[in-house]
């Protein structure tokens, strides 16, 4: 009965995480099946190992192997990596008999709370990270920062030059910045820069 109750806690937690937190905030449909499949698959395997009395170390080893396989199979944003590991952790907790009985549900709740707060849309909502390719070679950092602030309408806090091509006259730079105007208002001079997806 205790194991069945843990299954219920796991299903509730993964449904809240996937449909209550992740999808409304990120709108990436393909990750839904990944989170649900990984969670329930790990739940099934962990509970089987636990029932057979197999060492818990095998379960944690499986956790590590699944993580490596998934993270090497596709590029994920950092928030999606966090959700992915949360799905794994919740599934692992759901398949174990932990004493006292309230500990595993409490840990599941703590994971969900951490995701809710850390990925809250209004938390540091003005801060962005983007990779831009400019059609000029900037060897002076102050000049580069000034140009980025002009393009982005933002206060640039940190830059990292990824590539400087003096022959093709291009500069690829990662910029971490804070929007000065409303977050939705950004002006980009057409033809001056190619921007990667913000994160």
C-alpha atoms as a PDB file:
ATOM      1  CA  UNK A   1       0.000   0.000   0.000  1.00  0.00           C
ATOM      2  CA  UNK A   2       2.890   2.335   0.781  1.00  0.00           C
ATOM      3  CA  UNK A   3       4.443   1.778  -2.647  1.00  0.00           C
ATOM      4  CA  UNK A   4       1.089   2.423  -4.331  1.00  0.00           C
ATOM      5  CA  UNK A   5       0.803   5.682  -2.390  1.00  0.00           C
ATOM      6  CA  UNK A   6       4.288   6.675  -3.608  1.00  0.00           C
ATOM      7  CA  UNK A   7       3.163   6.007  -7.183  1.00  0.00           C
ATOM      8  CA  UNK A   8       0.240   8.379  -6.659  1.00  0.00           C
ATOM      9  CA  UNK A   9       2.540  11.071  -5.263  1.00  0.00           C
ATOM     10  CA  UNK A  10       4.878  10.632  -8.228  1.00  0.00           C
ATOM     11  CA  UNK A  11       2.108  10.900 -10.824  1.00  0.00           C
ATOM     12  CA  UNK A  12       0.672  14.008  -9.162  1.00  0.00           C
ATOM     13  CA  UNK A  13       4.110  15.625  -8.941  1.00  0.00           C
ATOM     14  CA  UNK A  14       5.110  14.927 -12.559  1.00  0.00           C
ATOM     15  CA  UNK A  15       1.728  16.110 -13.866  1.00  0.00           C
ATOM     16  CA  UNK A  16       2.027  19.360 -11.892  1.00  0.00           C
ATOM     17  CA  UNK A  17       5.600  19.841 -13.109  1.00  0.00           C
ATOM     18  CA  UNK A  18       4.887  19.104 -16.766  1.00  0.00           C
ATOM     19  CA  UNK A  19       1.443  20.616 -17.299  1.00  0.00           C
ATOM     20  CA  UNK A  20       1.330  23.158 -14.484  1.00  0.00           C
ATOM     21  CA  UNK A  21       4.861  24.583 -14.602  1.00  0.00           C
ATOM     22  CA  UNK A  22       6.837  23.613 -17.699  1.00  0.00           C
ATOM     23  CA  UNK A  23       4.424  23.758 -20.632  1.00  0.00           C
ATOM     24  CA  UNK A  24       2.610  26.988 -19.691  1.00  0.00           C
ATOM     25  CA  UNK A  25       5.984  28.718 -19.377  1.00  0.00           C
ATOM     26  CA  UNK A  26       7.985  27.190 -22.248  1.00  0.00           C
ATOM     27  CA  UNK A  27       5.386  25.838 -24.723  1.00  0.00           C
ATOM     28  CA  UNK A  28       7.622  23.060 -26.041  1.00  0.00           C
ATOM     29  CA  UNK A  29       5.379  20.106 -26.786  1.00  0.00           C
ATOM     30  CA  UNK A  30       8.104  17.561 -27.561  1.00  0.00           C
ATOM     31  CA  UNK A  31       9.483  17.780 -24.021  1.00  0.00           C
ATOM     32  CA  UNK A  32       6.172  16.635 -22.510  1.00  0.00           C
ATOM     33  CA  UNK A  33       6.632  13.049 -23.646  1.00  0.00           C
ATOM     34  CA  UNK A  34      10.292  13.174 -22.582  1.00  0.00           C
ATOM     35  CA  UNK A  35       9.479  14.275 -19.030  1.00  0.00           C
ATOM     36  CA  UNK A  36       6.557  11.880 -18.603  1.00  0.00           C
ATOM     37  CA  UNK A  37       8.356   8.940 -20.189  1.00  0.00           C
ATOM     38  CA  UNK A  38      11.596   9.402 -18.263  1.00  0.00           C
ATOM     39  CA  UNK A  39       9.792   9.913 -14.968  1.00  0.00           C
ATOM     40  CA  UNK A  40       7.450   6.945 -15.219  1.00  0.00           C
ATOM     41  CA  UNK A  41      10.140   4.726 -16.731  1.00  0.00           C
ATOM     42  CA  UNK A  42      12.537   5.463 -13.894  1.00  0.00           C
ATOM     43  CA  UNK A  43       9.694   5.023 -11.389  1.00  0.00           C
ATOM     44  CA  UNK A  44       8.941   1.550 -12.780  1.00  0.00           C
ATOM     45  CA  UNK A  45      12.577   0.439 -12.843  1.00  0.00           C
ATOM     46  CA  UNK A  46      13.394   1.843  -9.400  1.00  0.00           C
ATOM     47  CA  UNK A  47      10.348   0.235  -7.791  1.00  0.00           C
ATOM     48  CA  UNK A  48      11.238  -3.100  -9.422  1.00  0.00           C
ATOM     49  CA  UNK A  49      14.804  -2.931  -8.169  1.00  0.00           C
ATOM     50  CA  UNK A  50      13.597  -1.943  -4.723  1.00  0.00           C
ATOM     51  CA  UNK A  51      11.099  -4.820  -4.623  1.00  0.00           C
ATOM     52  CA  UNK A  52      13.774  -7.342  -5.588  1.00  0.00           C
ATOM     53  CA  UNK A  53      16.106  -6.060  -2.897  1.00  0.00           C
ATOM     54  CA  UNK A  54      18.740  -4.996  -5.412  1.00  0.00           C
ATOM     55  CA  UNK A  55      21.218  -2.428  -4.159  1.00  0.00           C
ATOM     56  CA  UNK A  56      20.181   1.190  -4.419  1.00  0.00           C
ATOM     57  CA  UNK A  57      23.501   1.983  -6.078  1.00  0.00           C
ATOM     58  CA  UNK A  58      22.215   0.348  -9.278  1.00  0.00           C
ATOM     59  CA  UNK A  59      19.270   2.740  -9.272  1.00  0.00           C
ATOM     60  CA  UNK A  60      21.511   5.774  -8.947  1.00  0.00           C
ATOM     61  CA  UNK A  61      23.780   4.364 -11.662  1.00  0.00           C
ATOM     62  CA  UNK A  62      20.752   4.075 -13.928  1.00  0.00           C
ATOM     63  CA  UNK A  63      19.848   7.671 -13.077  1.00  0.00           C
ATOM     64  CA  UNK A  64      23.313   8.787 -14.238  1.00  0.00           C
ATOM     65  CA  UNK A  65      23.229   6.728 -17.442  1.00  0.00           C
ATOM     66  CA  UNK A  66      19.782   8.038 -18.428  1.00  0.00           C
ATOM     67  CA  UNK A  67      20.945  11.600 -17.795  1.00  0.00           C
ATOM     68  CA  UNK A  68      24.007  11.226 -20.003  1.00  0.00           C
ATOM     69  CA  UNK A  69      22.065   9.575 -22.834  1.00  0.00           C
ATOM     70  CA  UNK A  70      19.366  12.253 -22.847  1.00  0.00           C
ATOM     71  CA  UNK A  71      21.667  15.235 -22.521  1.00  0.00           C
ATOM     72  CA  UNK A  72      23.887  14.000 -25.357  1.00  0.00           C
ATOM     73  CA  UNK A  73      20.946  13.347 -27.682  1.00  0.00           C
ATOM     74  CA  UNK A  74      19.750  16.942 -28.093  1.00  0.00           C
ATOM     75  CA  UNK A  75      20.551  20.467 -27.090  1.00  0.00           C
ATOM     76  CA  UNK A  76      18.495  21.683 -24.153  1.00  0.00           C
ATOM     77  CA  UNK A  77      18.223  25.103 -22.599  1.00  0.00           C
ATOM     78  CA  UNK A  78      19.334  25.323 -18.993  1.00  0.00           C
ATOM     79  CA  UNK A  79      15.735  25.523 -17.655  1.00  0.00           C
ATOM     80  CA  UNK A  80      14.843  22.401 -19.648  1.00  0.00           C
ATOM     81  CA  UNK A  81      17.864  20.598 -18.191  1.00  0.00           C
ATOM     82  CA  UNK A  82      16.585  21.534 -14.719  1.00  0.00           C
ATOM     83  CA  UNK A  83      13.104  20.196 -15.501  1.00  0.00           C
ATOM     84  CA  UNK A  84      14.621  17.033 -16.940  1.00  0.00           C
ATOM     85  CA  UNK A  85      16.648  16.306 -13.815  1.00  0.00           C
ATOM     86  CA  UNK A  86      13.605  17.130 -11.691  1.00  0.00           C
ATOM     87  CA  UNK A  87      11.585  14.520 -13.622  1.00  0.00           C
ATOM     88  CA  UNK A  88      14.345  11.980 -12.976  1.00  0.00           C
ATOM     89  CA  UNK A  89      14.607  12.842  -9.292  1.00  0.00           C
ATOM     90  CA  UNK A  90      10.840  12.680  -8.745  1.00  0.00           C
ATOM     91  CA  UNK A  91      10.691   9.304 -10.481  1.00  0.00           C
ATOM     92  CA  UNK A  92      13.539   7.985  -8.348  1.00  0.00           C
ATOM     93  CA  UNK A  93      11.873   9.193  -5.152  1.00  0.00           C
ATOM     94  CA  UNK A  94       8.540   7.701  -6.195  1.00  0.00           C
ATOM     95  CA  UNK A  95      10.016   4.250  -6.682  1.00  0.00           C
ATOM     96  CA  UNK A  96      11.667   4.036  -3.268  1.00  0.00           C
ATOM     97  CA  UNK A  97      10.267   3.239   0.141  1.00  0.00           C
ATOM     98  CA  UNK A  98      11.645   6.049   2.265  1.00  0.00           C
ATOM     99  CA  UNK A  99      11.178   6.362   6.005  1.00  0.00           C
ATOM    100  CA  UNK A 100       9.550   8.379   7.402  1.00  0.00           C
ATOM    101  CA  UNK A 101       6.723   8.097   4.878  1.00  0.00           C
ATOM    102  CA  UNK A 102       6.329  11.878   4.494  1.00  0.00           C
ATOM    103  CA  UNK A 103       9.951  12.452   3.454  1.00  0.00           C
ATOM    104  CA  UNK A 104       9.683  11.479  -0.233  1.00  0.00           C
ATOM    105  CA  UNK A 105       6.508  13.545  -0.893  1.00  0.00           C
ATOM    106  CA  UNK A 106       8.108  16.458   0.953  1.00  0.00           C
ATOM    107  CA  UNK A 107      11.205  16.222  -1.263  1.00  0.00           C
ATOM    108  CA  UNK A 108       9.004  16.067  -4.371  1.00  0.00           C
ATOM    109  CA  UNK A 109       7.218  19.180  -3.178  1.00  0.00           C
ATOM    110  CA  UNK A 110      10.545  20.916  -2.538  1.00  0.00           C
ATOM    111  CA  UNK A 111      11.671  20.133  -6.095  1.00  0.00           C
ATOM    112  CA  UNK A 112       8.438  21.554  -7.525  1.00  0.00           C
ATOM    113  CA  UNK A 113       8.727  24.640  -5.333  1.00  0.00           C
ATOM    114  CA  UNK A 114      12.295  25.207  -6.517  1.00  0.00           C
ATOM    115  CA  UNK A 115      11.160  25.003 -10.150  1.00  0.00           C
ATOM    116  CA  UNK A 116       8.211  27.299  -9.486  1.00  0.00           C
ATOM    117  CA  UNK A 117      10.416  29.982  -7.934  1.00  0.00           C
ATOM    118  CA  UNK A 118      13.538  29.584 -10.074  1.00  0.00           C
ATOM    119  CA  UNK A 119      11.624  29.578 -13.364  1.00  0.00           C
ATOM    120  CA  UNK A 120       9.062  32.195 -12.371  1.00  0.00           C
ATOM    121  CA  UNK A 121       8.525  34.436 -15.445  1.00  0.00           C
ATOM    122  CA  UNK A 122       8.735  37.686 -13.468  1.00  0.00           C
ATOM    123  CA  UNK A 123      11.932  36.727 -11.646  1.00  0.00           C
ATOM    124  CA  UNK A 124      14.685  38.891 -13.196  1.00  0.00           C
ATOM    125  CA  UNK A 125      12.447  39.238 -16.252  1.00  0.00           C
ATOM    126  CA  UNK A 126      14.501  42.085 -17.712  1.00  0.00           C
ATOM    127  CA  UNK A 127      17.704  40.025 -17.902  1.00  0.00           C
ATOM    128  CA  UNK A 128      18.640  38.273 -21.135  1.00  0.00           C
ATOM    129  CA  UNK A 129      21.483  36.291 -22.694  1.00  0.00           C
ATOM    130  CA  UNK A 130      21.947  36.361 -26.470  1.00  0.00           C
ATOM    131  CA  UNK A 131      24.593  35.442 -28.988  1.00  0.00           C
ATOM    132  CA  UNK A 132      24.925  38.019 -31.758  1.00  0.00           C
ATOM    133  CA  UNK A 133      26.957  38.169 -34.955  1.00  0.00           C
ATOM    134  CA  UNK A 134      27.804  41.740 -35.891  1.00  0.00           C
ATOM    135  CA  UNK A 135      28.902  42.755 -39.400  1.00  0.00           C
ATOM    136  CA  UNK A 136      31.953  44.631 -38.113  1.00  0.00           C
ATOM    137  CA  UNK A 137      35.171  43.634 -36.369  1.00  0.00           C
ATOM    138  CA  UNK A 138      35.298  45.128 -32.876  1.00  0.00           C
ATOM    139  CA  UNK A 139      38.706  44.974 -31.212  1.00  0.00           C
ATOM    140  CA  UNK A 140      37.863  47.617 -28.630  1.00  0.00           C
ATOM    141  CA  UNK A 141      35.665  46.200 -25.871  1.00  0.00           C
ATOM    142  CA  UNK A 142      34.174  49.546 -24.880  1.00  0.00           C
ATOM    143  CA  UNK A 143      33.176  50.241 -28.475  1.00  0.00           C
ATOM    144  CA  UNK A 144      31.625  46.779 -28.707  1.00  0.00           C
ATOM    145  CA  UNK A 145      29.639  47.278 -25.506  1.00  0.00           C
ATOM    146  CA  UNK A 146      28.404  50.669 -26.700  1.00  0.00           C
ATOM    147  CA  UNK A 147      27.258  49.159 -30.004  1.00  0.00           C
ATOM    148  CA  UNK A 148      25.478  46.312 -28.277  1.00  0.00           C
ATOM    149  CA  UNK A 149      23.687  48.683 -25.910  1.00  0.00           C
ATOM    150  CA  UNK A 150      22.583  50.753 -28.899  1.00  0.00           C
ATOM    151  CA  UNK A 151      21.268  47.693 -30.755  1.00  0.00           C
ATOM    152  CA  UNK A 152      19.568  46.048 -27.809  1.00  0.00           C
ATOM    153  CA  UNK A 153      18.263  49.130 -26.032  1.00  0.00           C
ATOM    154  CA  UNK A 154      19.704  47.645 -22.884  1.00  0.00           C
ATOM    155  CA  UNK A 155      22.437  47.898 -20.286  1.00  0.00           C
ATOM    156  CA  UNK A 156      25.103  45.327 -21.086  1.00  0.00           C
ATOM    157  CA  UNK A 157      26.550  43.757 -17.938  1.00  0.00           C
ATOM    158  CA  UNK A 158      28.938  41.247 -19.454  1.00  0.00           C
ATOM    159  CA  UNK A 159      30.188  40.183 -22.869  1.00  0.00           C
ATOM    160  CA  UNK A 160      32.207  37.260 -24.129  1.00  0.00           C
ATOM    161  CA  UNK A 161      33.642  37.428 -27.649  1.00  0.00           C
ATOM    162  CA  UNK A 162      33.137  34.026 -29.232  1.00  0.00           C
ATOM    163  CA  UNK A 163      34.731  34.780 -32.588  1.00  0.00           C
ATOM    164  CA  UNK A 164      36.509  37.762 -34.114  1.00  0.00           C
ATOM    165  CA  UNK A 165      37.043  37.549 -37.871  1.00  0.00           C
ATOM    166  CA  UNK A 166      39.162  40.383 -39.226  1.00  0.00           C
ATOM    167  CA  UNK A 167      39.034  39.032 -42.790  1.00  0.00           C
ATOM    168  CA  UNK A 168      35.243  38.730 -43.045  1.00  0.00           C
ATOM    169  CA  UNK A 169      34.765  41.711 -40.693  1.00  0.00           C
ATOM    170  CA  UNK A 170      32.420  39.963 -38.251  1.00  0.00           C
ATOM    171  CA  UNK A 171      32.259  39.648 -34.486  1.00  0.00           C
ATOM    172  CA  UNK A 172      30.331  36.930 -32.698  1.00  0.00           C
ATOM    173  CA  UNK A 173      29.664  37.820 -29.102  1.00  0.00           C
ATOM    174  CA  UNK A 174      27.608  36.546 -26.206  1.00  0.00           C
ATOM    175  CA  UNK A 175      25.939  39.411 -24.358  1.00  0.00           C
ATOM    176  CA  UNK A 176      24.351  39.348 -20.920  1.00  0.00           C
ATOM    177  CA  UNK A 177      22.209  42.409 -20.516  1.00  0.00           C
ATOM    178  CA  UNK A 178      19.298  44.087 -18.756  1.00  0.00           C
ATOM    179  CA  UNK A 179      16.475  45.670 -20.701  1.00  0.00           C
ATOM    180  CA  UNK A 180      15.936  49.336 -19.979  1.00  0.00           C
ATOM    181  CA  UNK A 181      12.502  49.632 -21.596  1.00  0.00           C
ATOM    182  CA  UNK A 182       9.624  47.145 -21.326  1.00  0.00           C
ATOM    183  CA  UNK A 183      10.825  43.563 -21.889  1.00  0.00           C
ATOM    184  CA  UNK A 184       8.781  43.185 -25.077  1.00  0.00           C
ATOM    185  CA  UNK A 185      10.298  46.299 -26.663  1.00  0.00           C
ATOM    186  CA  UNK A 186      13.548  45.627 -28.495  1.00  0.00           C
ATOM    187  CA  UNK A 187      14.787  47.439 -31.586  1.00  0.00           C
ATOM    188  CA  UNK A 188      17.277  45.774 -33.922  1.00  0.00           C
ATOM    189  CA  UNK A 189      18.887  47.532 -36.848  1.00  0.00           C
ATOM    190  CA  UNK A 190      18.225  45.266 -39.834  1.00  0.00           C
ATOM    191  CA  UNK A 191      21.408  44.019 -41.474  1.00  0.00           C
ATOM    192  CA  UNK A 192      23.632  45.005 -38.590  1.00  0.00           C
ATOM    193  CA  UNK A 193      23.341  41.936 -36.420  1.00  0.00           C
ATOM    194  CA  UNK A 194      22.025  38.418 -36.411  1.00  0.00           C
ATOM    195  CA  UNK A 195      20.745  37.411 -32.986  1.00  0.00           C
ATOM    196  CA  UNK A 196      20.467  33.960 -31.526  1.00  0.00           C
ATOM    197  CA  UNK A 197      17.507  32.940 -29.413  1.00  0.00           C
ATOM    198  CA  UNK A 198      17.389  34.699 -26.039  1.00  0.00           C
ATOM    199  CA  UNK A 199      17.564  32.642 -22.900  1.00  0.00           C
END
